[in-house]
Protein backbone atom coordinates (compact mmCIF):
# COMPACT_ATOMS: atom_id res chain seq x y z
CA MET A 1 23.54 -27.05 2.42
CA PHE A 2 19.96 -25.83 2.63
CA GLU A 3 18.43 -24.08 5.64
CA ASP A 4 16.83 -27.32 6.85
CA GLY A 5 20.22 -29.06 6.87
CA THR A 6 19.69 -31.04 3.68
CA GLU A 7 22.84 -31.36 1.63
CA ALA A 8 22.49 -30.44 -2.03
CA ILE A 9 24.55 -33.47 -3.05
CA LYS A 10 21.94 -35.82 -1.57
CA ILE A 11 19.15 -34.18 -3.56
CA ILE A 12 21.23 -34.17 -6.74
CA ASN A 13 22.06 -37.86 -6.37
CA MET A 14 18.40 -38.77 -5.78
CA ILE A 15 17.46 -37.05 -9.04
CA VAL A 16 20.41 -38.17 -11.16
CA LYS A 17 20.09 -41.87 -10.38
CA ARG A 18 16.78 -41.92 -12.27
CA TYR A 19 18.52 -41.26 -15.60
CA LYS A 20 19.43 -44.38 -17.59
CA GLN A 21 22.17 -42.83 -19.72
CA SER A 22 25.29 -41.95 -17.75
CA ILE A 23 26.21 -39.04 -20.04
CA VAL A 24 22.77 -37.47 -19.54
CA ALA A 25 22.98 -38.11 -15.79
CA ALA A 26 26.37 -36.40 -15.60
CA GLN A 27 25.09 -33.33 -17.44
CA ILE A 28 21.97 -33.11 -15.26
CA TYR A 29 24.19 -33.43 -12.18
CA ASN A 30 26.30 -30.51 -13.41
CA ALA A 31 23.25 -28.41 -14.26
CA ILE A 32 21.70 -28.84 -10.82
CA LYS A 33 25.04 -28.15 -9.15
CA TYR A 34 25.42 -24.88 -11.05
CA ILE A 35 21.82 -23.83 -10.35
CA VAL A 36 22.18 -24.48 -6.62
CA ARG A 37 25.47 -22.63 -6.29
CA ALA A 38 24.64 -19.68 -8.59
CA PRO A 39 23.29 -17.32 -5.91
CA PHE A 40 26.33 -17.96 -3.70
CA LYS A 41 29.19 -18.07 -6.19
CA ASN A 42 29.13 -16.97 -9.84
CA GLY A 43 25.54 -15.88 -10.45
CA VAL A 44 24.56 -15.66 -14.11
CA LYS A 45 27.82 -17.35 -15.18
CA ASP A 46 26.76 -20.48 -13.28
CA LEU A 47 23.25 -20.32 -14.74
CA LYS A 48 24.74 -20.18 -18.23
CA LYS A 49 26.85 -23.24 -17.43
CA ALA A 50 23.70 -25.01 -16.20
CA LYS A 51 21.96 -24.12 -19.45
CA GLU A 52 24.87 -25.53 -21.48
CA SER A 53 24.73 -28.77 -19.50
CA ILE A 54 20.99 -29.10 -20.00
CA ASN A 55 21.29 -28.36 -23.73
CA PHE A 56 24.00 -31.02 -24.05
CA ALA A 57 21.82 -33.54 -22.18
CA ILE A 58 18.85 -32.77 -24.44
CA LYS A 59 20.94 -33.12 -27.61
CA PHE A 60 22.45 -36.42 -26.48
CA TRP A 61 19.02 -37.75 -25.43
CA ASP A 62 17.46 -36.69 -28.75
CA ASP A 63 20.32 -38.28 -30.70
CA LYS A 64 19.91 -41.55 -28.79
CA GLU A 65 16.15 -41.57 -29.44
CA MET A 66 16.82 -41.03 -33.14
CA GLU A 67 19.26 -43.98 -33.13
CA TYR A 68 16.61 -46.13 -31.43
CA GLU A 69 13.96 -45.16 -33.97
CA ASN A 70 16.34 -45.87 -36.87
CA ASP A 71 17.12 -49.34 -35.45
CA ARG A 72 13.47 -50.39 -35.67
């Protein structure tokens, strides 16, 4: 929870629902979760997990765009 009382999960859900691909959405969800909790829990370890999630989301997104372009 943030100082103003906002729950992180509400913010994460608002962001994630904008992604069309569920696999990308799940990875973005994980990345944000790790970024938010890093200063309170596992520090750099959580930031590295966030980076892995973002890299996976980017790779999946790029692969899907390549499939779309090849289908044309």
